[in-house]
């Protein structure tokens, strides 16, 4: 699943792909924002992304279905 995090006062977004479900990501984001702690996510390559909750502008959580490859409709 693709996750995009907008950081306040930064022109670039943080983009990562994660194996976590949409519900897990939403729960982590909500907990980080409500508790004022650092949001920690792990991408598909095992890299850890840490974002201070005070700097989070928005989080866009993509769909959980795999991307379609090819030109024909199946």
PDB file of N, CA and C in Angstrom:
ATOM      1  N   UNK A   1       0.835  -1.154   0.000  1.00  0.00           N
ATOM      2  CA  UNK A   1       0.000   0.000   0.000  1.00  0.00           C
ATOM      3  C   UNK A   1       0.890   1.229   0.000  1.00  0.00           C
ATOM      4  N   UNK A   2       0.494   2.242  -0.760  1.00  0.00           N
ATOM      5  CA  UNK A   2       1.234   3.491  -0.833  1.00  0.00           C
ATOM      6  C   UNK A   2       0.759   4.446   0.252  1.00  0.00           C
ATOM      7  N   UNK A   3       1.723   5.102   0.904  1.00  0.00           N
ATOM      8  CA  UNK A   3       1.425   6.069   1.947  1.00  0.00           C
ATOM      9  C   UNK A   3       2.161   7.363   1.610  1.00  0.00           C
ATOM     10  N   UNK A   4       1.460   8.477   1.665  1.00  0.00           N
ATOM     11  CA  UNK A   4       2.051   9.790   1.431  1.00  0.00           C
ATOM     12  C   UNK A   4       1.831  10.637   2.676  1.00  0.00           C
ATOM     13  N   UNK A   5       2.924  11.219   3.177  1.00  0.00           N
ATOM     14  CA  UNK A   5       2.853  12.057   4.373  1.00  0.00           C
ATOM     15  C   UNK A   5       3.280  13.469   3.994  1.00  0.00           C
ATOM     16  N   UNK A   6       2.393  14.422   4.220  1.00  0.00           N
ATOM     17  CA  UNK A   6       2.722  15.821   4.008  1.00  0.00           C
ATOM     18  C   UNK A   6       3.267  16.411   5.291  1.00  0.00           C
ATOM     19  N   UNK A   7       4.437  17.032   5.201  1.00  0.00           N
ATOM     20  CA  UNK A   7       5.082  17.603   6.376  1.00  0.00           C
ATOM     21  C   UNK A   7       4.955  19.122   6.311  1.00  0.00           C
ATOM     22  N   UNK A   8       4.580  19.730   7.421  1.00  0.00           N
ATOM     23  CA  UNK A   8       4.396  21.178   7.479  1.00  0.00           C
ATOM     24  C   UNK A   8       5.706  21.898   7.168  1.00  0.00           C
ATOM     25  N   UNK A   9       5.605  23.000   6.432  1.00  0.00           N
ATOM     26  CA  UNK A   9       6.741  23.857   6.080  1.00  0.00           C
ATOM     27  C   UNK A   9       7.788  23.152   5.215  1.00  0.00           C
ATOM     28  N   UNK A  10       7.401  22.095   4.514  1.00  0.00           N
ATOM     29  CA  UNK A  10       8.294  21.392   3.603  1.00  0.00           C
ATOM     30  C   UNK A  10       7.609  21.272   2.247  1.00  0.00           C
ATOM     31  N   UNK A  11       8.361  21.499   1.187  1.00  0.00           N
ATOM     32  CA  UNK A  11       7.784  21.432  -0.152  1.00  0.00           C
ATOM     33  C   UNK A  11       7.579  19.995  -0.620  1.00  0.00           C
ATOM     34  N   UNK A  12       8.387  19.072  -0.153  1.00  0.00           N
ATOM     35  CA  UNK A  12       8.306  17.684  -0.596  1.00  0.00           C
ATOM     36  C   UNK A  12       7.496  16.841   0.377  1.00  0.00           C
ATOM     37  N   UNK A  13       6.875  15.809  -0.179  1.00  0.00           N
ATOM     38  CA  UNK A  13       6.129  14.843   0.630  1.00  0.00           C
ATOM     39  C   UNK A  13       7.016  13.635   0.902  1.00  0.00           C
ATOM     40  N   UNK A  14       6.650  12.861   1.903  1.00  0.00           N
ATOM     41  CA  UNK A  14       7.314  11.591   2.171  1.00  0.00           C
ATOM     42  C   UNK A  14       6.427  10.510   1.572  1.00  0.00           C
ATOM     43  N   UNK A  15       6.989   9.725   0.640  1.00  0.00           N
ATOM     44  CA  UNK A  15       6.259   8.640   0.000  1.00  0.00           C
ATOM     45  C   UNK A  15       6.914   7.322   0.367  1.00  0.00           C
ATOM     46  N   UNK A  16       6.104   6.354   0.777  1.00  0.00           N
ATOM     47  CA  UNK A  16       6.630   5.036   1.069  1.00  0.00           C
ATOM     48  C   UNK A  16       5.585   3.979   0.760  1.00  0.00           C
ATOM     49  N   UNK A  17       6.061   2.774   0.577  1.00  0.00           N
ATOM     50  CA  UNK A  17       5.187   1.635   0.338  1.00  0.00           C
ATOM     51  C   UNK A  17       5.337   0.687   1.520  1.00  0.00           C
ATOM     52  N   UNK A  18       4.215   0.265   2.085  1.00  0.00           N
ATOM     53  CA  UNK A  18       4.240  -0.535   3.303  1.00  0.00           C
ATOM     54  C   UNK A  18       3.390  -1.787   3.143  1.00  0.00           C
ATOM     55  N   UNK A  19       3.728  -2.801   3.919  1.00  0.00           N
ATOM     56  CA  UNK A  19       2.946  -4.039   3.946  1.00  0.00           C
ATOM     57  C   UNK A  19       1.821  -3.966   4.972  1.00  0.00           C
ATOM     58  N   UNK A  20       1.769  -2.901   5.757  1.00  0.00           N
ATOM     59  CA  UNK A  20       0.729  -2.745   6.773  1.00  0.00           C
ATOM     60  C   UNK A  20      -0.622  -2.490   6.106  1.00  0.00           C
ATOM     61  N   UNK A  21      -1.687  -2.820   6.814  1.00  0.00           N
ATOM     62  CA  UNK A  21      -3.026  -2.571   6.284  1.00  0.00           C
ATOM     63  C   UNK A  21      -3.404  -1.106   6.498  1.00  0.00           C
ATOM     64  N   UNK A  22      -4.430  -0.666   5.800  1.00  0.00           N
ATOM     65  CA  UNK A  22      -4.896   0.719   5.931  1.00  0.00           C
ATOM     66  C   UNK A  22      -5.338   1.008   7.354  1.00  0.00           C
ATOM     67  N   UNK A  23      -5.989   0.050   7.993  1.00  0.00           N
ATOM     68  CA  UNK A  23      -6.445   0.238   9.369  1.00  0.00           C
ATOM     69  C   UNK A  23      -5.271   0.385  10.339  1.00  0.00           C
ATOM     70  N   UNK A  24      -4.204  -0.420  10.142  1.00  0.00           N
ATOM     71  CA  UNK A  24      -3.027  -0.322  11.000  1.00  0.00           C
ATOM     72  C   UNK A  24      -2.355   1.041  10.866  1.00  0.00           C
ATOM     73  N   UNK A  25      -2.224   1.522   9.634  1.00  0.00           N
ATOM     74  CA  UNK A  25      -1.588   2.820   9.407  1.00  0.00           C
ATOM     75  C   UNK A  25      -2.434   3.931  10.019  1.00  0.00           C
ATOM     76  N   UNK A  26      -3.738   3.887   9.790  1.00  0.00           N
ATOM     77  CA  UNK A  26      -4.626   4.905  10.342  1.00  0.00           C
ATOM     78  C   UNK A  26      -4.563   4.911  11.867  1.00  0.00           C
ATOM     79  N   UNK A  27      -4.494   3.741  12.473  1.00  0.00           N
ATOM     80  CA  UNK A  27      -4.418   3.637  13.934  1.00  0.00           C
ATOM     81  C   UNK A  27      -3.111   4.245  14.449  1.00  0.00           C
ATOM     82  N   UNK A  28      -1.994   3.969  13.762  1.00  0.00           N
ATOM     83  CA  UNK A  28      -0.697   4.523  14.182  1.00  0.00           C
ATOM     84  C   UNK A  28      -0.673   6.042  14.043  1.00  0.00           C
ATOM     85  N   UNK A  29      -1.226   6.548  12.943  1.00  0.00           N
ATOM     86  CA  UNK A  29      -1.258   7.999  12.730  1.00  0.00           C
ATOM     87  C   UNK A  29      -2.122   8.668  13.793  1.00  0.00           C
ATOM     88  N   UNK A  30      -3.288   8.119  14.048  1.00  0.00           N
ATOM     89  CA  UNK A  30      -4.192   8.681  15.046  1.00  0.00           C
ATOM     90  C   UNK A  30      -3.548   8.683  16.427  1.00  0.00           C
ATOM     91  N   UNK A  31      -2.903   7.583  16.787  1.00  0.00           N
ATOM     92  CA  UNK A  31      -2.248   7.500  18.096  1.00  0.00           C
ATOM     93  C   UNK A  31      -1.115   8.516  18.200  1.00  0.00           C
ATOM     94  N   UNK A  32      -0.330   8.683  17.144  1.00  0.00           N
ATOM     95  CA  UNK A  32       0.790   9.630  17.168  1.00  0.00           C
ATOM     96  C   UNK A  32       0.291  11.053  17.305  1.00  0.00           C
ATOM     97  N   UNK A  33      -0.744  11.405  16.564  1.00  0.00           N
ATOM     98  CA  UNK A  33      -1.268  12.774  16.616  1.00  0.00           C
ATOM     99  C   UNK A  33      -1.941  13.058  17.957  1.00  0.00           C
ATOM    100  N   UNK A  34      -2.724  12.122  18.449  1.00  0.00           N
ATOM    101  CA  UNK A  34      -3.439  12.328  19.716  1.00  0.00           C
ATOM    102  C   UNK A  34      -2.502  12.364  20.924  1.00  0.00           C
ATOM    103  N   UNK A  35      -1.469  11.512  20.905  1.00  0.00           N
ATOM    104  CA  UNK A  35      -0.566  11.411  22.053  1.00  0.00           C
ATOM    105  C   UNK A  35       0.637  12.342  21.948  1.00  0.00           C
ATOM    106  N   UNK A  36       0.841  12.956  20.765  1.00  0.00           N
ATOM    107  CA  UNK A  36       1.973  13.861  20.583  1.00  0.00           C
ATOM    108  C   UNK A  36       3.313  13.163  20.516  1.00  0.00           C
ATOM    109  N   UNK A  37       3.324  11.922  20.038  1.00  0.00           N
ATOM    110  CA  UNK A  37       4.570  11.167  19.923  1.00  0.00           C
ATOM    111  C   UNK A  37       4.992  11.086  18.454  1.00  0.00           C
ATOM    112  N   UNK A  38       6.124  10.478  18.206  1.00  0.00           N
ATOM    113  CA  UNK A  38       6.662  10.346  16.852  1.00  0.00           C
ATOM    114  C   UNK A  38       5.923   9.238  16.116  1.00  0.00           C
ATOM    115  N   UNK A  39       5.528   9.518  14.866  1.00  0.00           N
ATOM    116  CA  UNK A  39       4.916   8.506  14.005  1.00  0.00           C
ATOM    117  C   UNK A  39       6.028   7.652  13.413  1.00  0.00           C
ATOM    118  N   UNK A  40       5.948   6.344  13.620  1.00  0.00           N
ATOM    119  CA  UNK A  40       6.958   5.424  13.097  1.00  0.00           C
ATOM    120  C   UNK A  40       6.285   4.418  12.174  1.00  0.00           C
ATOM    121  N   UNK A  41       6.751   4.374  10.928  1.00  0.00           N
ATOM    122  CA  UNK A  41       6.257   3.410   9.947  1.00  0.00           C
ATOM    123  C   UNK A  41       7.448   2.671   9.343  1.00  0.00           C
ATOM    124  N   UNK A  42       7.233   1.439   8.919  1.00  0.00           N
ATOM    125  CA  UNK A  42       8.281   0.632   8.286  1.00  0.00           C
ATOM    126  C   UNK A  42       7.840   0.343   6.861  1.00  0.00           C
ATOM    127  N   UNK A  43       8.738   0.600   5.883  1.00  0.00           N
ATOM    128  CA  UNK A  43       8.381   0.352   4.487  1.00  0.00           C
ATOM    129  C   UNK A  43       8.667  -1.093   4.105  1.00  0.00           C
ATOM    130  N   UNK A  44       8.405  -1.437   2.847  1.00  0.00           N
ATOM    131  CA  UNK A  44       8.545  -2.826   2.391  1.00  0.00           C
ATOM    132  C   UNK A  44       9.992  -3.297   2.384  1.00  0.00           C
ATOM    133  N   UNK A  45      10.954  -2.381   2.372  1.00  0.00           N
ATOM    134  CA  UNK A  45      12.371  -2.746   2.377  1.00  0.00           C
ATOM    135  C   UNK A  45      12.952  -2.787   3.787  1.00  0.00           C
ATOM    136  N   UNK A  46      12.111  -2.556   4.790  1.00  0.00           N
ATOM    137  CA  UNK A  46      12.558  -2.618   6.171  1.00  0.00           C
ATOM    138  C   UNK A  46      13.082  -1.305   6.717  1.00  0.00           C
ATOM    139  N   UNK A  47      13.018  -0.234   5.942  1.00  0.00           N
ATOM    140  CA  UNK A  47      13.475   1.068   6.420  1.00  0.00           C
ATOM    141  C   UNK A  47      12.423   1.685   7.334  1.00  0.00           C
ATOM    142  N   UNK A  48      12.887   2.340   8.395  1.00  0.00           N
ATOM    143  CA  UNK A  48      11.992   2.992   9.343  1.00  0.00           C
ATOM    144  C   UNK A  48      11.879   4.465   8.995  1.00  0.00           C
ATOM    145  N   UNK A  49      10.654   4.962   8.969  1.00  0.00           N
ATOM    146  CA  UNK A  49      10.388   6.373   8.715  1.00  0.00           C
ATOM    147  C   UNK A  49       9.803   6.953   9.992  1.00  0.00           C
ATOM    148  N   UNK A  50      10.455   8.001  10.515  1.00  0.00           N
ATOM    149  CA  UNK A  50      10.019   8.641  11.746  1.00  0.00           C
ATOM    150  C   UNK A  50       9.635  10.084  11.439  1.00  0.00           C
ATOM    151  N   UNK A  51       8.437  10.478  11.846  1.00  0.00           N
ATOM    152  CA  UNK A  51       7.953  11.837  11.618  1.00  0.00           C
ATOM    153  C   UNK A  51       7.375  12.359  12.931  1.00  0.00           C
ATOM    154  N   UNK A  52       7.855  13.518  13.405  1.00  0.00           N
ATOM    155  CA  UNK A  52       7.263  14.095  14.620  1.00  0.00           C
ATOM    156  C   UNK A  52       5.796  14.433  14.377  1.00  0.00           C
ATOM    157  N   UNK A  53       4.932  14.079  15.292  1.00  0.00           N
ATOM    158  CA  UNK A  53       3.498  14.279  15.075  1.00  0.00           C
ATOM    159  C   UNK A  53       3.131  15.747  14.909  1.00  0.00           C
ATOM    160  N   UNK A  54       3.880  16.656  15.523  1.00  0.00           N
ATOM    161  CA  UNK A  54       3.589  18.084  15.402  1.00  0.00           C
ATOM    162  C   UNK A  54       3.863  18.598  13.987  1.00  0.00           C
ATOM    163  N   UNK A  55       4.680  17.874  13.207  1.00  0.00           N
ATOM    164  CA  UNK A  55       5.038  18.309  11.861  1.00  0.00           C
ATOM    165  C   UNK A  55       4.140  17.701  10.788  1.00  0.00           C
ATOM    166  N   UNK A  56       3.245  16.790  11.152  1.00  0.00           N
ATOM    167  CA  UNK A  56       2.400  16.123  10.164  1.00  0.00           C
ATOM    168  C   UNK A  56       1.328  17.088   9.675  1.00  0.00           C
ATOM    169  N   UNK A  57       1.297  17.287   8.354  1.00  0.00           N
ATOM    170  CA  UNK A  57       0.262  18.118   7.757  1.00  0.00           C
ATOM    171  C   UNK A  57      -0.929  17.273   7.343  1.00  0.00           C
ATOM    172  N   UNK A  58      -0.646  16.153   6.691  1.00  0.00           N
ATOM    173  CA  UNK A  58      -1.689  15.211   6.288  1.00  0.00           C
ATOM    174  C   UNK A  58      -1.054  13.866   5.994  1.00  0.00           C
ATOM    175  N   UNK A  59      -1.864  12.826   5.991  1.00  0.00           N
ATOM    176  CA  UNK A  59      -1.432  11.474   5.628  1.00  0.00           C
ATOM    177  C   UNK A  59      -2.450  10.917   4.646  1.00  0.00           C
ATOM    178  N   UNK A  60      -1.959  10.500   3.490  1.00  0.00           N
ATOM    179  CA  UNK A  60      -2.815   9.895   2.469  1.00  0.00           C
ATOM    180  C   UNK A  60      -2.503   8.406   2.418  1.00  0.00           C
ATOM    181  N   UNK A  61      -3.518   7.598   2.664  1.00  0.00           N
ATOM    182  CA  UNK A  61      -3.351   6.149   2.685  1.00  0.00           C
ATOM    183  C   UNK A  61      -3.980   5.582   1.425  1.00  0.00           C
ATOM    184  N   UNK A  62      -3.168   4.884   0.615  1.00  0.00           N
ATOM    185  CA  UNK A  62      -3.649   4.312  -0.641  1.00  0.00           C
ATOM    186  C   UNK A  62      -4.465   3.058  -0.419  1.00  0.00           C
ATOM    187  N   UNK A  63      -4.932   2.497  -1.521  1.00  0.00           N
ATOM    188  CA  UNK A  63      -5.734   1.278  -1.450  1.00  0.00           C
ATOM    189  C   UNK A  63      -4.847   0.066  -1.222  1.00  0.00           C
ATOM    190  N   UNK A  64      -5.452  -1.006  -0.750  1.00  0.00           N
ATOM    191  CA  UNK A  64      -4.704  -2.218  -0.443  1.00  0.00           C
ATOM    192  C   UNK A  64      -4.635  -3.192  -1.609  1.00  0.00           C
ATOM    193  N   UNK A  65      -5.340  -2.907  -2.699  1.00  0.00           N
ATOM    194  CA  UNK A  65      -5.311  -3.837  -3.822  1.00  0.00           C
ATOM    195  C   UNK A  65      -4.039  -3.641  -4.634  1.00  0.00           C
ATOM    196  N   UNK A  66      -3.496  -4.736  -5.208  1.00  0.00           N
ATOM    197  CA  UNK A  66      -2.251  -4.632  -5.969  1.00  0.00           C
ATOM    198  C   UNK A  66      -2.461  -3.851  -7.258  1.00  0.00           C
ATOM    199  N   UNK A  67      -1.351  -3.260  -7.735  1.00  0.00           N
ATOM    200  CA  UNK A  67      -1.406  -2.511  -8.984  1.00  0.00           C
ATOM    201  C   UNK A  67      -1.608  -3.450 -10.168  1.00  0.00           C
ATOM    202  N   UNK A  68      -2.346  -2.973 -11.156  1.00  0.00           N
ATOM    203  CA  UNK A  68      -2.561  -3.756 -12.359  1.00  0.00           C
ATOM    204  C   UNK A  68      -1.430  -3.477 -13.333  1.00  0.00           C
ATOM    205  N   UNK A  69      -0.969  -4.526 -14.003  1.00  0.00           N
ATOM    206  CA  UNK A  69       0.129  -4.420 -14.951  1.00  0.00           C
ATOM    207  C   UNK A  69      -0.381  -4.830 -16.318  1.00  0.00           C
ATOM    208  N   UNK A  70      -0.017  -4.077 -17.329  1.00  0.00           N
ATOM    209  CA  UNK A  70      -0.410  -4.436 -18.693  1.00  0.00           C
ATOM    210  C   UNK A  70      -1.402  -3.454 -19.259  1.00  0.00           C
ATOM    211  N   UNK A  71      -1.800  -3.715 -20.508  1.00  0.00           N
ATOM    212  CA  UNK A  71      -2.680  -2.791 -21.211  1.00  0.00           C
ATOM    213  C   UNK A  71      -4.116  -3.295 -21.316  1.00  0.00           C
ATOM    214  N   UNK A  72      -4.322  -4.584 -21.220  1.00  0.00           N
ATOM    215  CA  UNK A  72      -5.667  -5.131 -21.373  1.00  0.00           C
ATOM    216  C   UNK A  72      -6.430  -5.164 -20.074  1.00  0.00           C
ATOM    217  N   UNK A  73      -7.723  -5.068 -20.174  1.00  0.00           N
ATOM    218  CA  UNK A  73      -8.578  -5.183 -18.996  1.00  0.00           C
ATOM    219  C   UNK A  73      -8.836  -6.650 -18.719  1.00  0.00           C
ATOM    220  N   UNK A  74      -8.566  -7.067 -17.518  1.00  0.00           N
ATOM    221  CA  UNK A  74      -8.767  -8.470 -17.154  1.00  0.00           C
ATOM    222  C   UNK A  74      -9.829  -8.571 -16.112  1.00  0.00           C
TER     223      UNK A  74
END
